[in-house]
PDB file of N, CA and C in Angstrom:
ATOM      1  N   MET A   1     -10.701  23.968   6.429  1.00  0.00           N
ATOM      2  CA  MET A   1      -9.417  23.469   6.124  1.00  0.00           C
ATOM      3  C   MET A   1      -9.532  22.478   4.983  1.00  0.00           C
ATOM      4  N   LYS A   2     -10.701  21.720   5.096  1.00  0.00           N
ATOM      5  CA  LYS A   2     -10.939  20.743   3.945  1.00  0.00           C
ATOM      6  C   LYS A   2     -11.006  21.456   2.598  1.00  0.00           C
ATOM      7  N   ILE A   3     -11.629  22.448   2.533  1.00  0.00           N
ATOM      8  CA  ILE A   3     -11.936  23.403   1.396  1.00  0.00           C
ATOM      9  C   ILE A   3     -10.531  23.815   0.813  1.00  0.00           C
ATOM     10  N   PHE A   4      -9.678  24.351   1.837  1.00  0.00           N
ATOM     11  CA  PHE A   4      -8.224  24.629   1.382  1.00  0.00           C
ATOM     12  C   PHE A   4      -7.562  23.536   0.654  1.00  0.00           C
ATOM     13  N   LEU A   5      -7.742  22.264   1.210  1.00  0.00           N
ATOM     14  CA  LEU A   5      -6.809  21.190   0.774  1.00  0.00           C
ATOM     15  C   LEU A   5      -7.553  20.693  -0.726  1.00  0.00           C
ATOM     16  N   LEU A   6      -8.859  20.978  -0.841  1.00  0.00           N
ATOM     17  CA  LEU A   6      -9.347  20.730  -2.039  1.00  0.00           C
ATOM     18  C   LEU A   6      -8.883  21.610  -3.182  1.00  0.00           C
ATOM     19  N   LEU A   7      -9.053  22.828  -2.836  1.00  0.00           N
ATOM     20  CA  LEU A   7      -8.148  23.995  -3.869  1.00  0.00           C
ATOM     21  C   LEU A   7      -6.743  23.517  -4.105  1.00  0.00           C
ATOM     22  N   LEU A   8      -6.027  23.318  -2.970  1.00  0.00           N
ATOM     23  CA  LEU A   8      -4.582  22.999  -3.231  1.00  0.00           C
ATOM     24  C   LEU A   8      -4.464  21.701  -4.221  1.00  0.00           C
ATOM     25  N   ALA A   9      -5.335  20.714  -3.981  1.00  0.00           N
ATOM     26  CA  ALA A   9      -5.166  19.667  -4.782  1.00  0.00           C
ATOM     27  C   ALA A   9      -5.520  20.011  -6.323  1.00  0.00           C
ATOM     28  N   THR A  10      -6.643  20.824  -6.464  1.00  0.00           N
ATOM     29  CA  THR A  10      -6.990  21.326  -7.839  1.00  0.00           C
ATOM     30  C   THR A  10      -5.840  22.020  -8.427  1.00  0.00           C
ATOM     31  N   ILE A  11      -5.349  22.889  -7.774  1.00  0.00           N
ATOM     32  CA  ILE A  11      -4.053  23.640  -8.148  1.00  0.00           C
ATOM     33  C   ILE A  11      -2.996  22.722  -8.625  1.00  0.00           C
ATOM     34  N   ILE A  12      -2.617  21.729  -7.852  1.00  0.00           N
ATOM     35  CA  ILE A  12      -1.623  20.716  -8.268  1.00  0.00           C
ATOM     36  C   ILE A  12      -2.096  20.003  -9.592  1.00  0.00           C
ATOM     37  N   ILE A  13      -3.306  19.531  -9.600  1.00  0.00           N
ATOM     38  CA  ILE A  13      -3.794  18.827 -10.774  1.00  0.00           C
ATOM     39  C   ILE A  13      -3.551  19.936 -11.806  1.00  0.00           C
ATOM     40  N   LEU A  14      -3.884  20.979 -11.854  1.00  0.00           N
ATOM     41  CA  LEU A  14      -3.811  21.930 -13.013  1.00  0.00           C
ATOM     42  C   LEU A  14      -2.436  22.114 -13.494  1.00  0.00           C
ATOM     43  N   PHE A  15      -1.494  22.212 -12.399  1.00  0.00           N
ATOM     44  CA  PHE A  15      -0.107  22.385 -12.953  1.00  0.00           C
ATOM     45  C   PHE A  15       0.524  21.016 -13.597  1.00  0.00           C
ATOM     46  N   ILE A  16      -0.144  19.971 -13.343  1.00  0.00           N
ATOM     47  CA  ILE A  16       0.324  18.708 -13.980  1.00  0.00           C
ATOM     48  C   ILE A  16      -0.314  18.610 -15.320  1.00  0.00           C
ATOM     49  N   ASP A  17      -1.659  18.720 -15.425  1.00  0.00           N
ATOM     50  CA  ASP A  17      -2.266  18.656 -16.654  1.00  0.00           C
ATOM     51  C   ASP A  17      -2.167  19.707 -17.677  1.00  0.00           C
ATOM     52  N   LEU A  18      -2.331  20.915 -17.280  1.00  0.00           N
ATOM     53  CA  LEU A  18      -2.723  22.144 -18.198  1.00  0.00           C
ATOM     54  C   LEU A  18      -1.391  22.320 -19.005  1.00  0.00           C
ATOM     55  N   PRO A  19      -0.198  22.422 -18.632  1.00  0.00           N
ATOM     56  CA  PRO A  19       0.806  22.712 -19.479  1.00  0.00           C
ATOM     57  C   PRO A  19       1.072  21.825 -20.892  1.00  0.00           C
ATOM     58  N   GLU A  20       0.726  20.687 -20.774  1.00  0.00           N
ATOM     59  CA  GLU A  20       0.758  19.620 -21.907  1.00  0.00           C
ATOM     60  C   GLU A  20      -0.365  20.080 -22.802  1.00  0.00           C
ATOM     61  N   MET A  21      -1.508  20.382 -22.365  1.00  0.00           N
ATOM     62  CA  MET A  21      -2.560  20.695 -23.211  1.00  0.00           C
ATOM     63  C   MET A  21      -2.367  22.031 -23.897  1.00  0.00           C
ATOM     64  N   ILE A  22      -1.688  22.889 -23.068  1.00  0.00           N
ATOM     65  CA  ILE A  22      -1.575  24.168 -23.798  1.00  0.00           C
ATOM     66  C   ILE A  22      -0.442  24.223 -24.812  1.00  0.00           C
ATOM     67  N   GLN A  23       0.532  23.273 -24.588  1.00  0.00           N
ATOM     68  CA  GLN A  23       1.718  23.040 -25.612  1.00  0.00           C
ATOM     69  C   GLN A  23       1.021  22.494 -26.743  1.00  0.00           C
ATOM     70  N   LYS A  24       0.125  21.544 -26.647  1.00  0.00           N
ATOM     71  CA  LYS A  24      -0.223  20.868 -27.958  1.00  0.00           C
ATOM     72  C   LYS A  24      -1.492  21.623 -28.554  1.00  0.00           C
ATOM     73  N   GLN A  25      -1.887  23.045 -27.855  1.00  0.00           N
ATOM     74  CA  GLN A  25      -2.882  23.900 -28.309  1.00  0.00           C
ATOM     75  C   GLN A  25      -4.304  23.016 -28.481  1.00  0.00           C
ATOM     76  N   LEU A  26      -4.628  22.337 -27.413  1.00  0.00           N
ATOM     77  CA  LEU A  26      -5.877  21.690 -27.427  1.00  0.00           C
ATOM     78  C   LEU A  26      -6.972  22.581 -26.770  1.00  0.00           C
ATOM     79  N   LYS A  27      -7.427  23.494 -27.551  1.00  0.00           N
ATOM     80  CA  LYS A  27      -8.334  24.691 -27.037  1.00  0.00           C
ATOM     81  C   LYS A  27      -9.566  23.958 -26.624  1.00  0.00           C
ATOM     82  N   LYS A  28     -10.111  23.259 -27.331  1.00  0.00           N
ATOM     83  CA  LYS A  28     -11.431  22.541 -26.855  1.00  0.00           C
ATOM     84  C   LYS A  28     -11.400  21.664 -25.896  1.00  0.00           C
ATOM     85  N   GLU A  29     -10.385  20.993 -25.684  1.00  0.00           N
ATOM     86  CA  GLU A  29     -10.131  20.054 -24.482  1.00  0.00           C
ATOM     87  C   GLU A  29      -9.792  20.851 -23.230  1.00  0.00           C
ATOM     88  N   ILE A  30      -9.213  21.968 -23.227  1.00  0.00           N
ATOM     89  CA  ILE A  30      -8.969  22.779 -22.271  1.00  0.00           C
ATOM     90  C   ILE A  30     -10.271  23.454 -21.727  1.00  0.00           C
ATOM     91  N   ILE A  31     -11.121  23.893 -22.572  1.00  0.00           N
ATOM     92  CA  ILE A  31     -12.347  24.379 -22.174  1.00  0.00           C
ATOM     93  C   ILE A  31     -13.198  23.199 -21.431  1.00  0.00           C
ATOM     94  N   VAL A  32     -13.344  22.080 -22.049  1.00  0.00           N
ATOM     95  CA  VAL A  32     -14.256  21.082 -21.435  1.00  0.00           C
ATOM     96  C   VAL A  32     -13.565  20.610 -20.146  1.00  0.00           C
ATOM     97  N   TYR A  33     -12.147  20.548 -20.047  1.00  0.00           N
ATOM     98  CA  TYR A  33     -11.543  20.173 -18.843  1.00  0.00           C
ATOM     99  C   TYR A  33     -11.813  21.193 -17.674  1.00  0.00           C
ATOM    100  N   SER A  34     -11.655  22.384 -18.099  1.00  0.00           N
ATOM    101  CA  SER A  34     -11.847  23.460 -17.203  1.00  0.00           C
ATOM    102  C   SER A  34     -13.309  23.633 -16.555  1.00  0.00           C
ATOM    103  N   LEU A  35     -14.290  23.373 -17.398  1.00  0.00           N
ATOM    104  CA  LEU A  35     -15.641  23.194 -17.051  1.00  0.00           C
ATOM    105  C   LEU A  35     -15.933  22.160 -16.126  1.00  0.00           C
ATOM    106  N   LEU A  36     -15.395  21.103 -16.496  1.00  0.00           N
ATOM    107  CA  LEU A  36     -15.766  19.930 -15.455  1.00  0.00           C
ATOM    108  C   LEU A  36     -14.937  20.027 -14.370  1.00  0.00           C
ATOM    109  N   LEU A  37     -13.807  20.396 -14.291  1.00  0.00           N
ATOM    110  CA  LEU A  37     -13.077  20.703 -13.021  1.00  0.00           C
ATOM    111  C   LEU A  37     -13.871  21.733 -12.025  1.00  0.00           C
ATOM    112  N   ILE A  38     -14.210  22.945 -12.639  1.00  0.00           N
ATOM    113  CA  ILE A  38     -15.111  23.753 -12.031  1.00  0.00           C
ATOM    114  C   ILE A  38     -16.255  23.181 -11.526  1.00  0.00           C
ATOM    115  N   ALA A  39     -16.874  22.498 -12.238  1.00  0.00           N
ATOM    116  CA  ALA A  39     -18.148  21.934 -11.765  1.00  0.00           C
ATOM    117  C   ALA A  39     -17.960  20.881 -10.487  1.00  0.00           C
ATOM    118  N   GLY A  40     -16.880  20.105 -10.601  1.00  0.00           N
ATOM    119  CA  GLY A  40     -16.481  19.220  -9.600  1.00  0.00           C
ATOM    120  C   GLY A  40     -16.156  19.948  -8.420  1.00  0.00           C
ATOM    121  N   ILE A  41     -15.327  20.974  -8.491  1.00  0.00           N
ATOM    122  CA  ILE A  41     -14.973  21.766  -7.319  1.00  0.00           C
ATOM    123  C   ILE A  41     -16.101  22.378  -6.546  1.00  0.00           C
ATOM    124  N   ILE A  42     -16.980  23.069  -7.347  1.00  0.00           N
ATOM    125  CA  ILE A  42     -18.228  23.468  -6.709  1.00  0.00           C
ATOM    126  C   ILE A  42     -19.176  22.462  -6.176  1.00  0.00           C
ATOM    127  N   LEU A  43     -19.356  21.214  -6.671  1.00  0.00           N
ATOM    128  CA  LEU A  43     -20.095  20.292  -6.136  1.00  0.00           C
ATOM    129  C   LEU A  43     -19.297  19.801  -4.827  1.00  0.00           C
ATOM    130  N   SER A  44     -18.220  19.609  -4.797  1.00  0.00           N
ATOM    131  CA  SER A  44     -17.332  19.172  -3.647  1.00  0.00           C
ATOM    132  C   SER A  44     -17.437  20.211  -2.613  1.00  0.00           C
ATOM    133  N   ILE A  45     -17.232  21.325  -2.792  1.00  0.00           N
ATOM    134  CA  ILE A  45     -17.310  22.490  -1.848  1.00  0.00           C
ATOM    135  C   ILE A  45     -18.807  22.441  -1.275  1.00  0.00           C
ATOM    136  N   LEU A  46     -19.731  22.352  -2.003  1.00  0.00           N
ATOM    137  CA  LEU A  46     -21.188  22.459  -1.451  1.00  0.00           C
ATOM    138  C   LEU A  46     -21.449  21.117  -0.587  1.00  0.00           C
ATOM    139  N   HIS A  47     -20.919  20.025  -0.953  1.00  0.00           N
ATOM    140  CA  HIS A  47     -20.992  18.780  -0.405  1.00  0.00           C
ATOM    141  C   HIS A  47     -20.295  18.870   1.195  1.00  0.00           C
ATOM    142  N   MET A  48     -19.138  19.546   1.167  1.00  0.00           N
ATOM    143  CA  MET A  48     -18.274  19.783   2.350  1.00  0.00           C
ATOM    144  C   MET A  48     -19.103  20.703   3.290  1.00  0.00           C
ATOM    145  N   LEU A  49     -19.960  21.655   2.732  1.00  0.00           N
ATOM    146  CA  LEU A  49     -20.637  22.526   3.482  1.00  0.00           C
ATOM    147  C   LEU A  49     -21.988  21.983   3.885  1.00  0.00           C
ATOM    148  N   GLN A  50     -22.229  20.694   3.635  1.00  0.00           N
ATOM    149  CA  GLN A  50     -23.399  19.998   3.847  1.00  0.00           C
ATOM    150  C   GLN A  50     -24.746  20.642   3.314  1.00  0.00           C
ATOM    151  N   VAL A  51     -24.459  21.232   2.098  1.00  0.00           N
ATOM    152  CA  VAL A  51     -25.793  21.690   1.352  1.00  0.00           C
ATOM    153  C   VAL A  51     -26.339  20.806   0.643  1.00  0.00           C
ATOM    154  N   PRO A  52     -27.779  20.587   0.837  1.00  0.00           N
ATOM    155  CA  PRO A  52     -28.495  19.550   0.218  1.00  0.00           C
ATOM    156  C   PRO A  52     -28.405  19.774  -1.358  1.00  0.00           C
ATOM    157  N   LEU A  53     -28.009  18.784  -1.888  1.00  0.00           N
ATOM    158  CA  LEU A  53     -27.850  18.794  -3.585  1.00  0.00           C
ATOM    159  C   LEU A  53     -28.983  17.967  -4.194  1.00  0.00           C
ATOM    160  N   PHE A  54     -29.315  18.265  -5.507  1.00  0.00           N
ATOM    161  CA  PHE A  54     -30.353  17.576  -6.157  1.00  0.00           C
ATOM    162  C   PHE A  54     -29.604  16.186  -6.493  1.00  0.00           C
ATOM    163  N   ASN A  55     -30.483  15.278  -6.401  1.00  0.00           N
ATOM    164  CA  ASN A  55     -30.138  13.785  -6.777  1.00  0.00           C
ATOM    165  C   ASN A  55     -30.652  13.551  -8.360  1.00  0.00           C
ATOM    166  N   PRO A  56     -29.758  13.325  -9.289  1.00  0.00           N
ATOM    167  CA  PRO A  56     -30.119  13.204 -10.633  1.00  0.00           C
ATOM    168  C   PRO A  56     -31.208  11.911 -10.879  1.00  0.00           C
ATOM    169  N   THR A  57     -31.107  10.980  -9.891  1.00  0.00           N
ATOM    170  CA  THR A  57     -32.200   9.889  -9.986  1.00  0.00           C
ATOM    171  C   THR A  57     -33.546  10.260  -9.769  1.00  0.00           C
ATOM    172  N   ASP A  58     -33.831  11.311  -9.029  1.00  0.00           N
ATOM    173  CA  ASP A  58     -35.023  11.915  -8.882  1.00  0.00           C
ATOM    174  C   ASP A  58     -35.485  12.339 -10.016  1.00  0.00           C
ATOM    175  N   LEU A  59     -34.839  12.857 -10.901  1.00  0.00           N
ATOM    176  CA  LEU A  59     -35.222  13.529 -12.263  1.00  0.00           C
ATOM    177  C   LEU A  59     -35.574  12.251 -13.095  1.00  0.00           C
ATOM    178  N   ILE A  60     -34.646  11.237 -13.116  1.00  0.00           N
ATOM    179  CA  ILE A  60     -35.169  10.026 -13.949  1.00  0.00           C
ATOM    180  C   ILE A  60     -36.564   9.403 -13.609  1.00  0.00           C
ATOM    181  N   VAL A  61     -36.617   9.243 -12.261  1.00  0.00           N
ATOM    182  CA  VAL A  61     -37.956   8.751 -11.659  1.00  0.00           C
ATOM    183  C   VAL A  61     -39.005   9.543 -11.977  1.00  0.00           C
ATOM    184  N   TRP A  62     -38.949  10.869 -11.974  1.00  0.00           N
ATOM    185  CA  TRP A  62     -40.045  11.871 -12.330  1.00  0.00           C
ATOM    186  C   TRP A  62     -40.355  11.672 -13.851  1.00  0.00           C
ATOM    187  N   MET A  63     -39.307  11.491 -14.561  1.00  0.00           N
ATOM    188  CA  MET A  63     -39.722  11.588 -16.053  1.00  0.00           C
ATOM    189  C   MET A  63     -40.396  10.118 -16.496  1.00  0.00           C
ATOM    190  N   PHE A  64     -39.983   9.054 -15.823  1.00  0.00           N
ATOM    191  CA  PHE A  64     -40.569   7.692 -16.241  1.00  0.00           C
ATOM    192  C   PHE A  64     -41.750   7.376 -15.469  1.00  0.00           C
ATOM    193  N   ARG A  65     -42.124   8.173 -14.401  1.00  0.00           N
ATOM    194  CA  ARG A  65     -43.276   7.624 -13.545  1.00  0.00           C
ATOM    195  C   ARG A  65     -44.520   7.458 -14.338  1.00  0.00           C
ATOM    196  N   PRO A  66     -44.788   8.423 -15.292  1.00  0.00           N
ATOM    197  CA  PRO A  66     -46.138   8.270 -16.197  1.00  0.00           C
ATOM    198  C   PRO A  66     -46.245   6.968 -17.022  1.00  0.00           C
ATOM    199  N   PHE A  67     -44.971   6.356 -17.417  1.00  0.00           N
ATOM    200  CA  PHE A  67     -44.937   5.055 -18.121  1.00  0.00           C
ATOM    201  C   PHE A  67     -45.200   4.023 -17.310  1.00  0.00           C
ATOM    202  N   VAL A  68     -44.842   3.995 -16.050  1.00  0.00           N
ATOM    203  CA  VAL A  68     -45.085   2.730 -15.105  1.00  0.00           C
ATOM    204  C   VAL A  68     -46.226   2.731 -14.484  1.00  0.00           C
ATOM    205  N   GLU A  69     -46.893   3.813 -14.398  1.00  0.00           N
ATOM    206  CA  GLU A  69     -48.440   3.855 -13.491  1.00  0.00           C
ATOM    207  C   GLU A  69     -49.494   3.441 -14.658  1.00  0.00           C
TER     208      GLU A  69
END
């Protein structure tokens, strides 16, 4: 049910934002907007399904660990 509501909210957001971008012919913005929206939907669905996700802070700690030690 939560996933359905998420998808419904996404469709509503698309119907609000996308027509203006299409009218102004903002092709690059539409591509970036779509990619970020899809990434957010995927991450939200994975979070709702309680799939363990990678924490970006772990990558930063791994990168800077040699400099601290």
